[in-house]
Amino acid sequence: MIFSRKRAAGRHARDERTTEVLDDNQAEEASPPTLTRGPYDISEAPSGVTRLDLGSLHIPAVPEVEVRVQADQQGVIQQVVLVHGQNALQLGVFAAPRSEGIWDEVREEIRQSLFNDGAAAQEVEGDYGTELRARVRTPDGTTDLRFVGIDGPRWMVRGVYQGAAAVDPAAAGPLAACLEGLVVDRGQEAKPVREPLPLRLPREMADQARPEPSPDGGRPAEPRQV
């Protein structure tokens, strides 16, 4: 089942404020800097934003961005892809340790995997730190990919851009806005490092996706695409 709907820099980018000399009382009253760009942890996400709740990922509604979700008949999601024009952004979210991030390690494994498949990958600096860019062969020809990783509190978001956005970050436009507004609900349950965090369709969408029973009570009808 594929659900498709059009939806009407991160932890590393915080408010830039003019440096001032504060006395002791002012320093005590000064609030810590707030995040100006996500992905956000659920504990620090801005309020008043319309988002699609997929469990561990809450995707902000951005005009002209289509959210394509591939899920099984129980509503468990295997893949989330955001599409805008000829560009796409595949999203994944994984458990990470409390003490340190895992993107550096994961990125090196991706690079090695690409190399083993005959694709050279290049590390470049992007809005979220070190990214990985590669050109891979597919049955339809060559495809450019750009891997972005963001480490959060006990989680890591991995995004893979395709299309012009894979070679020119400025072309990502609304897809980049989705990544900047993304919210992660890690939960408190202990999970193995790198285990994908659970993603599920909202109940009303899962109900639409369930196969309808056949009129004669025999084999259920094929599941619908919504």
N, C-alpha and C. Protein backbone atom coordinates (compact mmCIF):
# COMPACT_ATOMS: atom_id res chain seq x y z
N MET A 1 0.85 -1.20 0.00
CA MET A 1 0.00 0.00 0.00
C MET A 1 0.88 1.24 0.00
N ILE A 2 0.52 2.18 -0.81
CA ILE A 2 1.24 3.45 -0.86
C ILE A 2 0.26 4.56 -0.56
N PHE A 3 0.53 5.31 0.48
CA PHE A 3 -0.27 6.47 0.82
C PHE A 3 0.43 7.71 0.28
N SER A 4 -0.31 8.56 -0.40
CA SER A 4 0.30 9.75 -0.99
C SER A 4 -0.57 10.95 -0.68
N ARG A 5 0.04 11.99 -0.14
CA ARG A 5 -0.71 13.20 0.18
C ARG A 5 0.17 14.40 -0.03
N LYS A 6 -0.37 15.46 -0.63
CA LYS A 6 0.37 16.71 -0.77
C LYS A 6 0.21 17.53 0.49
N ARG A 7 1.26 18.01 0.94
CA ARG A 7 1.29 18.80 2.15
C ARG A 7 1.33 20.27 1.76
N ALA A 8 0.13 20.95 2.23
CA ALA A 8 0.05 22.36 1.94
C ALA A 8 1.52 23.00 2.03
N ALA A 9 19.56 26.32 10.16
CA ALA A 9 20.20 25.01 10.07
C ALA A 9 20.47 24.40 11.42
N GLY A 10 19.63 22.90 11.78
CA GLY A 10 19.29 21.94 12.78
C GLY A 10 19.78 22.28 14.16
N ARG A 11 20.11 21.22 14.76
CA ARG A 11 20.66 21.29 16.09
C ARG A 11 21.93 22.12 16.11
N HIS A 12 22.52 22.27 14.95
CA HIS A 12 23.78 23.01 14.86
C HIS A 12 23.54 24.51 14.64
N ALA A 13 22.29 24.90 14.44
CA ALA A 13 22.01 26.31 14.20
C ALA A 13 21.09 26.83 15.28
N ARG A 14 21.59 27.66 16.12
CA ARG A 14 20.79 28.23 17.19
C ARG A 14 20.70 29.75 17.01
N ASP A 15 19.84 30.36 17.81
CA ASP A 15 19.64 31.81 17.68
C ASP A 15 20.97 32.54 17.77
N GLU A 16 21.17 33.45 16.82
CA GLU A 16 22.36 34.30 16.86
C GLU A 16 21.97 35.60 17.56
N ARG A 17 22.59 35.85 18.70
CA ARG A 17 22.23 37.02 19.48
C ARG A 17 23.47 37.87 19.71
N THR A 18 23.26 39.15 19.75
CA THR A 18 24.37 40.05 20.01
C THR A 18 24.95 39.77 21.38
N THR A 19 26.26 39.65 21.43
CA THR A 19 26.92 39.37 22.71
C THR A 19 26.85 40.61 23.59
N GLU A 20 26.36 40.38 24.81
CA GLU A 20 26.25 41.48 25.75
C GLU A 20 26.94 41.08 27.05
N VAL A 21 27.39 42.07 27.80
CA VAL A 21 27.96 41.82 29.11
C VAL A 21 26.83 41.83 30.11
N LEU A 22 26.63 40.70 30.81
CA LEU A 22 25.54 40.58 31.76
C LEU A 22 26.09 40.56 33.17
N ASP A 23 25.38 41.20 34.07
CA ASP A 23 25.77 41.08 35.47
C ASP A 23 25.31 39.72 35.99
N ASP A 24 25.62 39.39 37.22
CA ASP A 24 25.32 38.07 37.76
C ASP A 24 23.82 37.77 37.73
N ASN A 25 23.01 38.76 38.08
CA ASN A 25 21.56 38.53 38.10
C ASN A 25 21.02 38.28 36.71
N GLN A 26 21.49 39.07 35.73
CA GLN A 26 21.03 38.88 34.36
C GLN A 26 21.45 37.52 33.83
N ALA A 27 22.66 37.11 34.17
CA ALA A 27 23.15 35.82 33.68
C ALA A 27 22.29 34.69 34.20
N GLU A 28 21.83 34.80 35.45
CA GLU A 28 20.99 33.75 36.02
C GLU A 28 19.63 33.72 35.35
N GLU A 29 19.13 34.90 34.95
CA GLU A 29 17.80 34.97 34.36
C GLU A 29 17.81 34.67 32.87
N ALA A 30 18.96 34.74 32.25
CA ALA A 30 19.02 34.54 30.80
C ALA A 30 18.63 33.11 30.47
N SER A 31 17.73 32.94 29.50
CA SER A 31 17.30 31.60 29.11
C SER A 31 18.29 31.02 28.11
N PRO A 32 18.43 29.69 28.08
CA PRO A 32 19.35 29.06 27.13
C PRO A 32 18.89 29.30 25.71
N PRO A 33 19.81 29.28 24.74
CA PRO A 33 19.43 29.50 23.35
C PRO A 33 18.49 28.41 22.87
N THR A 34 17.57 28.78 21.99
CA THR A 34 16.61 27.82 21.46
C THR A 34 16.96 27.46 20.03
N LEU A 35 16.54 26.26 19.63
CA LEU A 35 16.81 25.82 18.27
C LEU A 35 16.03 26.67 17.28
N THR A 36 16.68 27.08 16.21
CA THR A 36 16.00 27.83 15.16
C THR A 36 15.72 26.96 13.95
N ARG A 37 16.23 25.73 13.95
CA ARG A 37 16.02 24.84 12.81
C ARG A 37 16.12 23.39 13.28
N GLY A 38 15.25 22.55 12.76
CA GLY A 38 15.28 21.14 13.11
C GLY A 38 16.17 20.34 12.17
N PRO A 39 16.07 19.01 12.30
CA PRO A 39 15.08 18.25 13.04
C PRO A 39 15.12 18.50 14.54
N TYR A 40 13.90 18.53 15.11
CA TYR A 40 13.76 18.79 16.54
C TYR A 40 13.42 17.49 17.28
N ASP A 41 13.88 17.41 18.51
CA ASP A 41 13.35 16.39 19.40
C ASP A 41 11.95 16.83 19.82
N ILE A 42 11.08 15.84 20.10
CA ILE A 42 9.71 16.16 20.47
C ILE A 42 9.65 17.09 21.68
N SER A 43 10.66 17.04 22.53
CA SER A 43 10.68 17.86 23.74
C SER A 43 10.96 19.33 23.46
N GLU A 44 11.46 19.65 22.27
CA GLU A 44 11.82 21.03 21.95
C GLU A 44 11.18 21.53 20.68
N ALA A 45 10.20 20.81 20.16
CA ALA A 45 9.57 21.18 18.90
C ALA A 45 8.70 22.42 19.06
N PRO A 46 8.73 23.32 18.09
CA PRO A 46 7.85 24.49 18.15
C PRO A 46 6.39 24.07 18.08
N SER A 47 5.54 24.80 18.76
CA SER A 47 4.11 24.51 18.73
C SER A 47 3.45 25.28 17.59
N GLY A 48 2.20 24.95 17.35
CA GLY A 48 1.42 25.67 16.35
C GLY A 48 1.77 25.32 14.91
N VAL A 49 2.37 24.16 14.68
CA VAL A 49 2.75 23.73 13.33
C VAL A 49 1.96 22.49 12.96
N THR A 50 1.35 22.48 11.79
CA THR A 50 0.61 21.31 11.31
C THR A 50 1.61 20.26 10.82
N ARG A 51 1.50 19.04 11.38
CA ARG A 51 2.42 17.97 11.02
C ARG A 51 1.65 16.67 10.80
N LEU A 52 2.19 15.82 9.95
CA LEU A 52 1.67 14.47 9.75
C LEU A 52 2.38 13.56 10.74
N ASP A 53 1.61 12.97 11.66
CA ASP A 53 2.15 12.14 12.73
C ASP A 53 2.31 10.71 12.24
N LEU A 54 3.58 10.29 12.06
CA LEU A 54 3.87 8.93 11.64
C LEU A 54 4.53 8.13 12.77
N GLY A 55 4.27 8.52 13.98
CA GLY A 55 4.86 7.82 15.12
C GLY A 55 6.16 8.48 15.53
N SER A 56 7.28 7.89 15.14
CA SER A 56 8.58 8.44 15.52
C SER A 56 8.94 9.68 14.72
N LEU A 57 8.31 9.89 13.58
CA LEU A 57 8.55 11.08 12.76
C LEU A 57 7.26 11.86 12.61
N HIS A 58 7.36 13.18 12.82
CA HIS A 58 6.25 14.09 12.56
C HIS A 58 6.71 15.03 11.45
N ILE A 59 6.05 14.95 10.30
CA ILE A 59 6.50 15.68 9.11
C ILE A 59 5.68 16.95 8.94
N PRO A 60 6.32 18.11 8.87
CA PRO A 60 5.57 19.36 8.75
C PRO A 60 4.89 19.47 7.39
N ALA A 61 3.74 20.12 7.40
CA ALA A 61 3.02 20.38 6.15
C ALA A 61 3.69 21.54 5.42
N VAL A 62 4.24 21.26 4.24
CA VAL A 62 4.88 22.28 3.41
C VAL A 62 4.20 22.28 2.05
N PRO A 63 3.73 23.44 1.57
CA PRO A 63 3.01 23.48 0.30
C PRO A 63 3.79 22.82 -0.84
N GLU A 64 3.05 22.06 -1.66
CA GLU A 64 3.57 21.42 -2.87
C GLU A 64 4.50 20.24 -2.60
N VAL A 65 4.65 19.84 -1.35
CA VAL A 65 5.45 18.65 -1.04
C VAL A 65 4.50 17.47 -0.85
N GLU A 66 4.75 16.40 -1.59
CA GLU A 66 3.94 15.19 -1.49
C GLU A 66 4.64 14.18 -0.59
N VAL A 67 3.91 13.64 0.37
CA VAL A 67 4.46 12.64 1.28
C VAL A 67 4.02 11.26 0.79
N ARG A 68 4.97 10.44 0.40
CA ARG A 68 4.67 9.09 -0.08
C ARG A 68 5.14 8.09 0.97
N VAL A 69 4.20 7.33 1.46
CA VAL A 69 4.48 6.38 2.53
C VAL A 69 4.13 4.98 2.06
N GLN A 70 5.08 4.08 2.13
CA GLN A 70 4.82 2.68 1.79
C GLN A 70 4.67 1.90 3.09
N ALA A 71 3.52 1.25 3.26
CA ALA A 71 3.23 0.55 4.51
C ALA A 71 2.56 -0.79 4.21
N ASP A 72 2.62 -1.69 5.19
CA ASP A 72 1.95 -2.97 5.03
C ASP A 72 0.50 -2.85 5.46
N GLN A 73 -0.23 -3.98 5.43
CA GLN A 73 -1.65 -3.94 5.72
C GLN A 73 -1.95 -3.63 7.19
N GLN A 74 -0.94 -3.77 8.05
CA GLN A 74 -1.12 -3.42 9.46
C GLN A 74 -0.78 -1.96 9.74
N GLY A 75 -0.38 -1.23 8.69
CA GLY A 75 -0.06 0.18 8.86
C GLY A 75 1.37 0.44 9.28
N VAL A 76 2.21 -0.61 9.31
CA VAL A 76 3.62 -0.43 9.65
C VAL A 76 4.35 0.09 8.41
N ILE A 77 5.07 1.18 8.58
CA ILE A 77 5.70 1.87 7.45
C ILE A 77 7.10 1.33 7.20
N GLN A 78 7.38 1.03 5.92
CA GLN A 78 8.71 0.61 5.53
C GLN A 78 9.52 1.73 4.90
N GLN A 79 8.85 2.73 4.32
CA GLN A 79 9.58 3.77 3.61
C GLN A 79 8.79 5.07 3.62
N VAL A 80 9.51 6.19 3.80
CA VAL A 80 8.92 7.52 3.73
C VAL A 80 9.74 8.34 2.74
N VAL A 81 9.07 8.86 1.70
CA VAL A 81 9.74 9.67 0.69
C VAL A 81 8.93 10.95 0.48
N LEU A 82 9.60 12.09 0.54
CA LEU A 82 8.98 13.37 0.24
C LEU A 82 9.36 13.76 -1.17
N VAL A 83 8.38 14.27 -1.93
CA VAL A 83 8.61 14.58 -3.34
C VAL A 83 8.16 16.01 -3.63
N HIS A 84 9.01 16.72 -4.33
CA HIS A 84 8.67 18.06 -4.82
C HIS A 84 9.23 18.20 -6.22
N GLY A 85 8.36 18.26 -7.21
CA GLY A 85 8.83 18.33 -8.60
C GLY A 85 9.65 17.10 -8.95
N GLN A 86 10.86 17.32 -9.45
CA GLN A 86 11.75 16.22 -9.82
C GLN A 86 12.69 15.83 -8.68
N ASN A 87 12.53 16.44 -7.53
CA ASN A 87 13.39 16.14 -6.39
C ASN A 87 12.68 15.25 -5.37
N ALA A 88 13.47 14.44 -4.66
CA ALA A 88 12.92 13.56 -3.64
C ALA A 88 13.84 13.53 -2.43
N LEU A 89 13.26 13.28 -1.27
CA LEU A 89 14.01 13.15 -0.02
C LEU A 89 13.47 11.95 0.73
N GLN A 90 14.29 10.90 0.82
CA GLN A 90 13.91 9.73 1.60
C GLN A 90 14.38 9.92 3.04
N LEU A 91 13.49 9.60 4.00
CA LEU A 91 13.78 9.83 5.40
C LEU A 91 13.84 8.52 6.18
N GLY A 92 14.77 8.46 7.12
CA GLY A 92 14.85 7.35 8.05
C GLY A 92 15.27 7.88 9.41
N VAL A 93 14.84 7.21 10.48
CA VAL A 93 15.20 7.64 11.83
C VAL A 93 15.59 6.41 12.63
N PHE A 94 16.68 6.53 13.41
CA PHE A 94 17.28 5.37 14.06
C PHE A 94 17.64 5.69 15.51
N ALA A 95 17.67 4.66 16.32
CA ALA A 95 18.08 4.81 17.71
C ALA A 95 19.59 5.06 17.78
N ALA A 96 19.99 5.88 18.74
CA ALA A 96 21.41 6.20 18.93
C ALA A 96 21.70 6.22 20.42
N PRO A 97 22.97 6.10 20.81
CA PRO A 97 23.31 6.14 22.24
C PRO A 97 23.13 7.53 22.82
N ARG A 98 22.99 7.58 24.11
CA ARG A 98 22.81 8.86 24.78
C ARG A 98 24.07 9.72 24.75
N SER A 99 25.24 9.05 24.75
CA SER A 99 26.50 9.76 24.97
C SER A 99 27.09 10.39 23.72
N GLU A 100 26.79 9.86 22.54
CA GLU A 100 27.45 10.37 21.34
C GLU A 100 26.61 10.11 20.10
N GLY A 101 26.92 10.87 19.02
CA GLY A 101 26.23 10.68 17.77
C GLY A 101 26.83 9.52 16.98
N ILE A 102 26.10 9.07 15.95
CA ILE A 102 26.55 7.93 15.16
C ILE A 102 26.70 8.24 13.69
N TRP A 103 26.40 9.49 13.27
CA TRP A 103 26.43 9.80 11.85
C TRP A 103 27.81 9.60 11.24
N ASP A 104 28.87 9.98 11.93
CA ASP A 104 30.22 9.81 11.38
C ASP A 104 30.48 8.34 11.03
N GLU A 105 30.10 7.47 11.93
CA GLU A 105 30.32 6.04 11.73
C GLU A 105 29.42 5.50 10.61
N VAL A 106 28.17 5.89 10.63
CA VAL A 106 27.23 5.44 9.60
C VAL A 106 27.65 5.95 8.23
N ARG A 107 28.08 7.19 8.17
CA ARG A 107 28.50 7.77 6.89
C ARG A 107 29.66 6.99 6.28
N GLU A 108 30.63 6.60 7.11
CA GLU A 108 31.76 5.83 6.61
C GLU A 108 31.31 4.47 6.08
N GLU A 109 30.35 3.86 6.73
CA GLU A 109 29.84 2.58 6.26
C GLU A 109 29.09 2.73 4.93
N ILE A 110 28.35 3.82 4.79
CA ILE A 110 27.67 4.08 3.52
C ILE A 110 28.70 4.28 2.41
N ARG A 111 29.73 5.06 2.71
CA ARG A 111 30.77 5.32 1.72
C ARG A 111 31.44 4.01 1.29
N GLN A 112 31.74 3.14 2.25
CA GLN A 112 32.39 1.87 1.93
C GLN A 112 31.47 0.98 1.11
N SER A 113 30.18 0.98 1.45
CA SER A 113 29.21 0.18 0.70
C SER A 113 29.10 0.66 -0.75
N LEU A 114 29.08 1.97 -0.93
CA LEU A 114 29.02 2.52 -2.28
C LEU A 114 30.29 2.15 -3.06
N PHE A 115 31.42 2.24 -2.40
CA PHE A 115 32.69 1.89 -3.04
C PHE A 115 32.68 0.42 -3.48
N ASN A 116 32.17 -0.46 -2.64
CA ASN A 116 32.11 -1.88 -2.98
C ASN A 116 31.20 -2.14 -4.18
N ASP A 117 30.22 -1.25 -4.36
CA ASP A 117 29.31 -1.38 -5.50
C ASP A 117 29.81 -0.64 -6.73
N GLY A 118 31.02 -0.10 -6.64
CA GLY A 118 31.62 0.57 -7.79
C GLY A 118 31.29 2.03 -7.93
N ALA A 119 30.76 2.64 -6.87
CA ALA A 119 30.40 4.06 -6.91
C ALA A 119 31.31 4.84 -5.97
N ALA A 120 31.95 5.86 -6.49
CA ALA A 120 32.80 6.71 -5.66
C ALA A 120 31.93 7.73 -4.93
N ALA A 121 32.24 7.97 -3.67
CA ALA A 121 31.49 8.94 -2.87
C ALA A 121 32.43 10.02 -2.37
N GLN A 122 31.92 11.23 -2.31
CA GLN A 122 32.72 12.38 -1.89
C GLN A 122 32.10 13.02 -0.67
N GLU A 123 32.92 13.33 0.32
CA GLU A 123 32.44 14.03 1.50
C GLU A 123 32.52 15.54 1.26
N VAL A 124 31.45 16.23 1.59
CA VAL A 124 31.39 17.68 1.45
C VAL A 124 30.75 18.25 2.71
N GLU A 125 31.00 19.52 2.97
CA GLU A 125 30.39 20.18 4.12
C GLU A 125 29.06 20.81 3.72
N GLY A 126 28.05 20.53 4.49
CA GLY A 126 26.73 21.08 4.22
C GLY A 126 26.16 21.77 5.44
N ASP A 127 24.86 22.07 5.38
CA ASP A 127 24.21 22.80 6.47
C ASP A 127 24.24 22.03 7.79
N TYR A 128 24.30 20.71 7.72
CA TYR A 128 24.28 19.90 8.93
C TYR A 128 25.63 19.24 9.20
N GLY A 129 26.67 19.76 8.61
CA GLY A 129 27.98 19.15 8.80
C GLY A 129 28.39 18.36 7.56
N THR A 130 29.10 17.27 7.77
CA THR A 130 29.64 16.49 6.66
C THR A 130 28.55 15.65 6.00
N GLU A 131 28.42 15.82 4.68
CA GLU A 131 27.48 15.06 3.88
C GLU A 131 28.26 14.11 2.97
N LEU A 132 27.53 13.25 2.29
CA LEU A 132 28.13 12.31 1.35
C LEU A 132 27.39 12.42 0.03
N ARG A 133 28.14 12.60 -1.05
CA ARG A 133 27.54 12.67 -2.38
C ARG A 133 28.11 11.56 -3.25
N ALA A 134 27.23 10.97 -4.06
CA ALA A 134 27.66 9.87 -4.91
C ALA A 134 26.80 9.82 -6.16
N ARG A 135 27.33 9.22 -7.19
CA ARG A 135 26.57 8.94 -8.42
C ARG A 135 26.55 7.43 -8.60
N VAL A 136 25.36 6.87 -8.63
CA VAL A 136 25.22 5.42 -8.69
C VAL A 136 24.52 5.01 -9.98
N ARG A 137 24.76 3.78 -10.39
CA ARG A 137 24.11 3.22 -11.57
C ARG A 137 22.83 2.50 -11.15
N THR A 138 21.78 2.74 -11.90
CA THR A 138 20.50 2.08 -11.69
C THR A 138 20.03 1.51 -13.03
N PRO A 139 19.00 0.67 -13.02
CA PRO A 139 18.47 0.16 -14.30
C PRO A 139 18.03 1.26 -15.25
N ASP A 140 17.71 2.43 -14.70
CA ASP A 140 17.26 3.55 -15.53
C ASP A 140 18.39 4.52 -15.89
N GLY A 141 19.61 4.19 -15.51
CA GLY A 141 20.75 5.07 -15.78
C GLY A 141 21.43 5.48 -14.49
N THR A 142 22.19 6.56 -14.55
CA THR A 142 22.90 7.03 -13.37
C THR A 142 22.01 7.97 -12.55
N THR A 143 22.19 7.93 -11.25
CA THR A 143 21.42 8.75 -10.32
C THR A 143 22.36 9.38 -9.30
N ASP A 144 22.17 10.68 -9.06
CA ASP A 144 22.95 11.38 -8.03
C ASP A 144 22.23 11.26 -6.69
N LEU A 145 23.01 11.01 -5.65
CA LEU A 145 22.48 10.90 -4.30
C LEU A 145 23.26 11.81 -3.36
N ARG A 146 22.57 12.38 -2.39
CA ARG A 146 23.23 13.17 -1.35
C ARG A 146 22.71 12.71 0.01
N PHE A 147 23.62 12.18 0.83
CA PHE A 147 23.26 11.64 2.14
C PHE A 147 23.53 12.69 3.21
N VAL A 148 22.51 12.96 4.03
CA VAL A 148 22.61 13.92 5.12
C VAL A 148 22.27 13.21 6.42
N GLY A 149 23.05 13.44 7.46
CA GLY A 149 22.77 12.84 8.75
C GLY A 149 22.74 13.87 9.85
N ILE A 150 21.78 13.75 10.75
CA ILE A 150 21.65 14.68 11.87
C ILE A 150 21.53 13.88 13.15
N ASP A 151 22.46 14.08 14.05
CA ASP A 151 22.43 13.41 15.35
C ASP A 151 21.61 14.23 16.34
N GLY A 152 20.69 13.56 17.01
CA GLY A 152 19.89 14.21 18.05
C GLY A 152 20.04 13.47 19.37
N PRO A 153 19.24 13.82 20.36
CA PRO A 153 19.31 13.13 21.66
C PRO A 153 18.77 11.71 21.57
N ARG A 154 19.68 10.74 21.45
CA ARG A 154 19.35 9.31 21.38
C ARG A 154 18.68 8.92 20.07
N TRP A 155 18.85 9.73 19.03
CA TRP A 155 18.35 9.37 17.71
C TRP A 155 19.21 9.98 16.63
N MET A 156 19.09 9.44 15.43
CA MET A 156 19.75 10.01 14.25
C MET A 156 18.77 9.98 13.08
N VAL A 157 18.66 11.10 12.40
CA VAL A 157 17.86 11.18 11.17
C VAL A 157 18.80 11.09 9.98
N ARG A 158 18.44 10.24 9.03
CA ARG A 158 19.20 10.16 7.78
C ARG A 158 18.28 10.56 6.63
N GLY A 159 18.75 11.50 5.83
CA GLY A 159 18.02 11.91 4.64
C GLY A 159 18.83 11.62 3.40
N VAL A 160 18.17 11.18 2.34
CA VAL A 160 18.85 10.92 1.06
C VAL A 160 18.12 11.71 -0.02
N TYR A 161 18.81 12.72 -0.55
CA TYR A 161 18.25 13.54 -1.62
C TYR A 161 18.52 12.90 -2.97
N GLN A 162 17.55 13.03 -3.88
CA GLN A 162 17.71 12.64 -5.28
C GLN A 162 17.23 13.78 -6.16
N GLY A 163 17.70 13.78 -7.41
CA GLY A 163 17.35 14.85 -8.32
C GLY A 163 18.37 15.97 -8.24
N ALA A 164 17.97 17.15 -8.71
CA ALA A 164 18.88 18.30 -8.69
C ALA A 164 19.33 18.63 -7.27
N ALA A 165 18.49 18.34 -6.28
CA ALA A 165 18.82 18.63 -4.89
C ALA A 165 19.99 17.80 -4.39
N ALA A 166 20.33 16.72 -5.12
CA ALA A 166 21.46 15.88 -4.71
C ALA A 166 22.80 16.52 -5.03
N VAL A 167 22.82 17.42 -6.01
CA VAL A 167 24.07 18.06 -6.39
C VAL A 167 24.08 19.55 -6.07
N ASP A 168 22.90 20.13 -5.88
CA ASP A 168 22.79 21.55 -5.57
C ASP A 168 21.83 21.72 -4.40
N PRO A 169 22.35 21.89 -3.17
CA PRO A 169 21.47 22.01 -2.01
C PRO A 169 20.44 23.13 -2.15
N ALA A 170 20.77 24.17 -2.90
CA ALA A 170 19.82 25.27 -3.06
C ALA A 170 18.56 24.83 -3.79
N ALA A 171 18.67 23.72 -4.56
CA ALA A 171 17.52 23.24 -5.32
C ALA A 171 16.54 22.44 -4.44
N ALA A 172 16.94 22.14 -3.20
CA ALA A 172 16.08 21.34 -2.34
C ALA A 172 14.82 22.09 -1.93
N GLY A 173 14.94 23.40 -1.75
CA GLY A 173 13.79 24.24 -1.48
C GLY A 173 12.85 23.70 -0.43
N PRO A 174 11.59 23.39 -0.81
CA PRO A 174 10.61 22.92 0.17
C PRO A 174 11.00 21.62 0.86
N LEU A 175 11.78 20.78 0.21
CA LEU A 175 12.22 19.54 0.86
C LEU A 175 13.15 19.86 2.03
N ALA A 176 14.01 20.83 1.84
CA ALA A 176 14.88 21.26 2.93
C ALA A 176 14.05 21.85 4.07
N ALA A 177 12.96 22.55 3.72
CA ALA A 177 12.08 23.10 4.75
C ALA A 177 11.42 21.98 5.55
N CYS A 178 11.08 20.87 4.89
CA CYS A 178 10.52 19.73 5.61
C CYS A 178 11.54 19.15 6.59
N LEU A 179 12.78 19.03 6.14
CA LEU A 179 13.81 18.50 7.02
C LEU A 179 14.05 19.44 8.20
N GLU A 180 14.03 20.73 7.94
CA GLU A 180 14.24 21.71 9.01
C GLU A 180 13.11 21.73 10.02
N GLY A 181 11.91 21.32 9.59
CA GLY A 181 10.78 21.32 10.50
C GLY A 181 10.42 19.96 11.05
N LEU A 182 11.21 18.96 10.72
CA LEU A 182 10.94 17.58 11.14
C LEU A 182 11.02 17.46 12.66
N VAL A 183 10.17 16.61 13.23
CA VAL A 183 10.17 16.35 14.67
C VAL A 183 10.33 14.86 14.89
N VAL A 184 11.20 14.49 15.83
CA VAL A 184 11.44 13.09 16.18
C VAL A 184 10.88 12.81 17.56
N ASP A 185 10.03 11.77 17.65
CA ASP A 185 9.50 11.30 18.93
C ASP A 185 10.19 9.98 19.24
N ARG A 186 11.30 10.05 19.95
CA ARG A 186 12.15 8.89 20.22
C ARG A 186 11.50 7.91 21.19
N GLY A 187 10.69 8.42 22.11
CA GLY A 187 10.15 7.56 23.14
C GLY A 187 11.21 7.23 24.19
N GLN A 188 10.81 6.57 25.25
CA GLN A 188 11.72 6.28 26.37
C GLN A 188 12.21 4.84 26.38
N GLU A 189 11.66 4.02 25.51
CA GLU A 189 12.02 2.61 25.51
C GLU A 189 13.46 2.41 25.06
N ALA A 190 14.18 1.53 25.75
CA ALA A 190 15.55 1.21 25.35
C ALA A 190 15.53 0.43 24.04
N LYS A 191 16.43 0.82 23.12
CA LYS A 191 16.50 0.17 21.82
C LYS A 191 17.96 -0.02 21.42
N PRO A 192 18.24 -1.07 20.67
CA PRO A 192 19.61 -1.26 20.18
C PRO A 192 20.02 -0.09 19.29
N VAL A 193 21.28 0.31 19.39
CA VAL A 193 21.79 1.39 18.56
C VAL A 193 21.61 1.04 17.09
N ARG A 194 21.11 1.99 16.32
CA ARG A 194 20.86 1.92 14.88
C ARG A 194 19.58 1.20 14.51
N GLU A 195 18.86 0.71 15.48
CA GLU A 195 17.57 0.10 15.16
C GLU A 195 16.63 1.17 14.63
N PRO A 196 15.94 0.93 13.49
CA PRO A 196 14.98 1.92 13.00
C PRO A 196 13.88 2.16 14.04
N LEU A 197 13.57 3.42 14.28
CA LEU A 197 12.48 3.73 15.18
C LEU A 197 11.15 3.46 14.49
N PRO A 198 10.15 3.00 15.24
CA PRO A 198 8.89 2.55 14.61
C PRO A 198 8.12 3.69 13.96
N LEU A 199 7.62 3.41 12.77
CA LEU A 199 6.81 4.37 12.02
C LEU A 199 5.48 3.69 11.68
N ARG A 200 4.39 4.41 11.91
CA ARG A 200 3.07 3.85 11.62
C ARG A 200 2.18 4.92 11.01
N LEU A 201 1.25 4.45 10.18
CA LEU A 201 0.24 5.35 9.65
C LEU A 201 -0.69 5.80 10.76
N PRO A 202 -1.19 7.04 10.69
CA PRO A 202 -2.26 7.43 11.61
C PRO A 202 -3.43 6.46 11.48
N ARG A 203 -4.18 6.27 12.54
CA ARG A 203 -5.23 5.23 12.57
C ARG A 203 -6.20 5.37 11.41
N GLU A 204 -6.65 6.58 11.13
CA GLU A 204 -7.65 6.74 10.08
C GLU A 204 -7.11 6.34 8.71
N MET A 205 -5.81 6.55 8.49
CA MET A 205 -5.21 6.15 7.22
C MET A 205 -4.98 4.65 7.18
N ALA A 206 -4.61 4.07 8.31
CA ALA A 206 -4.43 2.62 8.37
C ALA A 206 -5.75 1.92 8.11
N ASP A 207 -6.86 2.48 8.62
CA ASP A 207 -8.17 1.89 8.39
C ASP A 207 -8.51 1.91 6.90
N GLN A 208 -8.16 3.01 6.22
CA GLN A 208 -8.42 3.09 4.79
C GLN A 208 -7.60 2.07 4.01
N ALA A 209 -6.44 1.74 4.53
CA ALA A 209 -5.52 0.86 3.81
C ALA A 209 -5.85 -0.61 3.98
N ARG A 210 -6.66 -0.97 4.99
CA ARG A 210 -6.96 -2.38 5.21
C ARG A 210 -7.80 -2.93 4.06
N PRO A 211 -7.53 -4.17 3.64
CA PRO A 211 -8.30 -4.76 2.54
C PRO A 211 -9.76 -4.92 2.92
N GLU A 212 -10.65 -4.69 1.98
CA GLU A 212 -12.08 -4.84 2.22
C GLU A 212 -12.47 -6.30 2.02
N PRO A 213 -13.35 -6.83 2.88
CA PRO A 213 -13.80 -8.21 2.68
C PRO A 213 -14.61 -8.32 1.40
N SER A 214 -14.48 -9.47 0.74
CA SER A 214 -15.23 -9.67 -0.50
C SER A 214 -16.71 -9.87 -0.17
N PRO A 215 -17.61 -9.51 -1.10
CA PRO A 215 -19.05 -9.62 -0.82
C PRO A 215 -19.47 -11.04 -0.46
N ASP A 216 -18.78 -12.06 -1.02
CA ASP A 216 -19.19 -13.44 -0.77
C ASP A 216 -18.52 -14.04 0.47
N GLY A 217 -17.76 -13.21 1.20
CA GLY A 217 -17.13 -13.68 2.41
C GLY A 217 -15.89 -14.50 2.18
N GLY A 218 -15.42 -14.58 0.95
CA GLY A 218 -14.24 -15.35 0.64
C GLY A 218 -12.98 -14.53 0.79
N ARG A 219 -12.11 -14.62 -0.19
CA ARG A 219 -10.83 -13.92 -0.14
C ARG A 219 -11.04 -12.41 -0.11
N PRO A 220 -10.36 -11.71 0.78
CA PRO A 220 -10.53 -10.24 0.83
C PRO A 220 -10.14 -9.59 -0.48
N ALA A 221 -10.78 -8.47 -0.75
CA ALA A 221 -10.43 -7.71 -1.96
C ALA A 221 -9.03 -7.16 -1.80
N GLU A 222 -8.42 -6.80 -2.91
CA GLU A 222 -7.07 -6.24 -2.88
C GLU A 222 -7.07 -4.94 -2.10
N PRO A 223 -5.98 -4.66 -1.34
CA PRO A 223 -5.93 -3.41 -0.58
C PRO A 223 -5.94 -2.21 -1.51
N ARG A 224 -6.53 -1.13 -1.01
CA ARG A 224 -6.63 0.09 -1.80
C ARG A 224 -5.39 0.95 -1.64
N GLN A 225 -5.16 1.78 -2.61
CA GLN A 225 -4.13 2.80 -2.50
C GLN A 225 -4.82 4.10 -2.12
N VAL A 226 -4.31 4.75 -1.08
CA VAL A 226 -4.96 5.98 -0.60
C VAL A 226 -3.97 7.11 -0.63
